[in-house]
Amino acid sequence: MTKKLYTITLGGFSSQEGETPLEATKRFVEFLNTCNLNELIYDVEDDETKERFIVDLSENDEDAVFPNN
């Protein structure tokens, strides 16, 4: 069975400064390394249906997923 594909982005962290795409990405990763990733809120999109969700990993699993209309 093929797994569904989802696109996941971090809300509010879509742009980082840098002289090149590589430098901007490295700066973004450095930022992520200083974060507790379980406390961030994620925007998630079903690649097939384009349905969007907000996932808050600081919540219990049954309360962590919200529709993002």
C-alpha atoms as a PDB file:
ATOM      1  CA  MET A   1       0.000   0.000   0.000  1.00  0.00           C
ATOM      2  CA  THR A   2       1.336   3.430  -0.946  1.00  0.00           C
ATOM      3  CA  LYS A   3       1.547   6.004   1.825  1.00  0.00           C
ATOM      4  CA  LYS A   4      -0.081   9.395   1.382  1.00  0.00           C
ATOM      5  CA  LEU A   5       2.217  12.337   0.824  1.00  0.00           C
ATOM      6  CA  TYR A   6       2.011  15.515   2.869  1.00  0.00           C
ATOM      7  CA  THR A   7       3.812  18.831   2.522  1.00  0.00           C
ATOM      8  CA  ILE A   8       4.831  20.239   5.908  1.00  0.00           C
ATOM      9  CA  THR A   9       5.910  23.818   6.520  1.00  0.00           C
ATOM     10  CA  LEU A  10       6.636  25.750   9.670  1.00  0.00           C
ATOM     11  CA  GLY A  11       4.230  28.639   9.934  1.00  0.00           C
ATOM     12  CA  GLY A  12       5.998  31.964  10.197  1.00  0.00           C
ATOM     13  CA  PHE A  13       9.401  30.550   9.213  1.00  0.00           C
ATOM     14  CA  SER A  14       9.182  30.487   5.431  1.00  0.00           C
ATOM     15  CA  SER A  15      11.908  33.026   4.702  1.00  0.00           C
ATOM     16  CA  GLN A  16      15.421  33.369   6.003  1.00  0.00           C
ATOM     17  CA  GLU A  17      18.093  35.781   4.890  1.00  0.00           C
ATOM     18  CA  GLY A  18      21.247  34.621   3.158  1.00  0.00           C
ATOM     19  CA  GLU A  19      23.570  35.482   0.311  1.00  0.00           C
ATOM     20  CA  THR A  20      22.673  32.225  -1.459  1.00  0.00           C
ATOM     21  CA  PRO A  21      19.920  29.575  -1.186  1.00  0.00           C
ATOM     22  CA  LEU A  22      22.449  27.313   0.543  1.00  0.00           C
ATOM     23  CA  GLU A  23      23.356  29.935   3.142  1.00  0.00           C
ATOM     24  CA  ALA A  24      19.683  30.756   3.789  1.00  0.00           C
ATOM     25  CA  THR A  25      18.915  27.059   4.284  1.00  0.00           C
ATOM     26  CA  LYS A  26      21.871  26.572   6.610  1.00  0.00           C
ATOM     27  CA  ARG A  27      20.739  29.563   8.703  1.00  0.00           C
ATOM     28  CA  PHE A  28      17.235  28.093   8.858  1.00  0.00           C
ATOM     29  CA  VAL A  29      18.610  24.739  10.055  1.00  0.00           C
ATOM     30  CA  GLU A  30      20.732  26.517  12.673  1.00  0.00           C
ATOM     31  CA  PHE A  31      17.547  28.210  13.907  1.00  0.00           C
ATOM     32  CA  LEU A  32      15.702  24.875  14.047  1.00  0.00           C
ATOM     33  CA  ASN A  33      18.530  23.337  16.050  1.00  0.00           C
ATOM     34  CA  THR A  34      17.911  25.928  18.772  1.00  0.00           C
ATOM     35  CA  CYS A  35      14.162  25.166  18.944  1.00  0.00           C
ATOM     36  CA  ASN A  36      12.212  22.522  20.752  1.00  0.00           C
ATOM     37  CA  LEU A  37      10.507  21.188  17.625  1.00  0.00           C
ATOM     38  CA  ASN A  38       7.732  19.624  19.721  1.00  0.00           C
ATOM     39  CA  GLU A  39       6.596  23.113  20.721  1.00  0.00           C
ATOM     40  CA  LEU A  40       6.180  24.488  17.194  1.00  0.00           C
ATOM     41  CA  ILE A  41       2.965  24.571  15.179  1.00  0.00           C
ATOM     42  CA  TYR A  42       3.129  23.038  11.701  1.00  0.00           C
ATOM     43  CA  ASP A  43       1.097  23.675   8.549  1.00  0.00           C
ATOM     44  CA  VAL A  44       0.416  20.367   6.783  1.00  0.00           C
ATOM     45  CA  GLU A  45      -1.139  19.802   3.362  1.00  0.00           C
ATOM     46  CA  ASP A  46      -2.364  16.533   1.879  1.00  0.00           C
ATOM     47  CA  ASP A  47      -0.560  16.441  -1.488  1.00  0.00           C
ATOM     48  CA  GLU A  48      -3.405  14.525  -3.154  1.00  0.00           C
ATOM     49  CA  THR A  49      -6.510  16.328  -1.876  1.00  0.00           C
ATOM     50  CA  LYS A  50      -4.835  19.670  -1.014  1.00  0.00           C
ATOM     51  CA  GLU A  51      -6.677  19.553   2.329  1.00  0.00           C
ATOM     52  CA  ARG A  52      -4.792  21.655   4.873  1.00  0.00           C
ATOM     53  CA  PHE A  53      -4.260  21.084   8.596  1.00  0.00           C
ATOM     54  CA  ILE A  54      -2.559  22.720  11.550  1.00  0.00           C
ATOM     55  CA  VAL A  55      -0.624  20.322  13.778  1.00  0.00           C
ATOM     56  CA  ASP A  56       0.361  21.433  17.284  1.00  0.00           C
ATOM     57  CA  LEU A  57       2.827  18.892  18.704  1.00  0.00           C
ATOM     58  CA  SER A  58       2.570  20.429  22.170  1.00  0.00           C
ATOM     59  CA  GLU A  59      -0.963  18.971  22.417  1.00  0.00           C
ATOM     60  CA  ASN A  60      -1.968  15.354  23.084  1.00  0.00           C
ATOM     61  CA  ASP A  61      -2.246  13.364  19.832  1.00  0.00           C
ATOM     62  CA  GLU A  62      -6.054  13.328  19.887  1.00  0.00           C
ATOM     63  CA  ASP A  63      -6.121  17.145  20.218  1.00  0.00           C
ATOM     64  CA  ALA A  64      -3.161  18.048  17.981  1.00  0.00           C
ATOM     65  CA  VAL A  65      -4.710  18.239  14.471  1.00  0.00           C
ATOM     66  CA  PHE A  66      -6.996  21.086  13.384  1.00  0.00           C
ATOM     67  CA  PRO A  67      -8.489  21.915   9.975  1.00  0.00           C
ATOM     68  CA  ASN A  68      -6.807  24.877   8.283  1.00  0.00           C
ATOM     69  CA  ASN A  69      -9.446  26.348   6.005  1.00  0.00           C
END
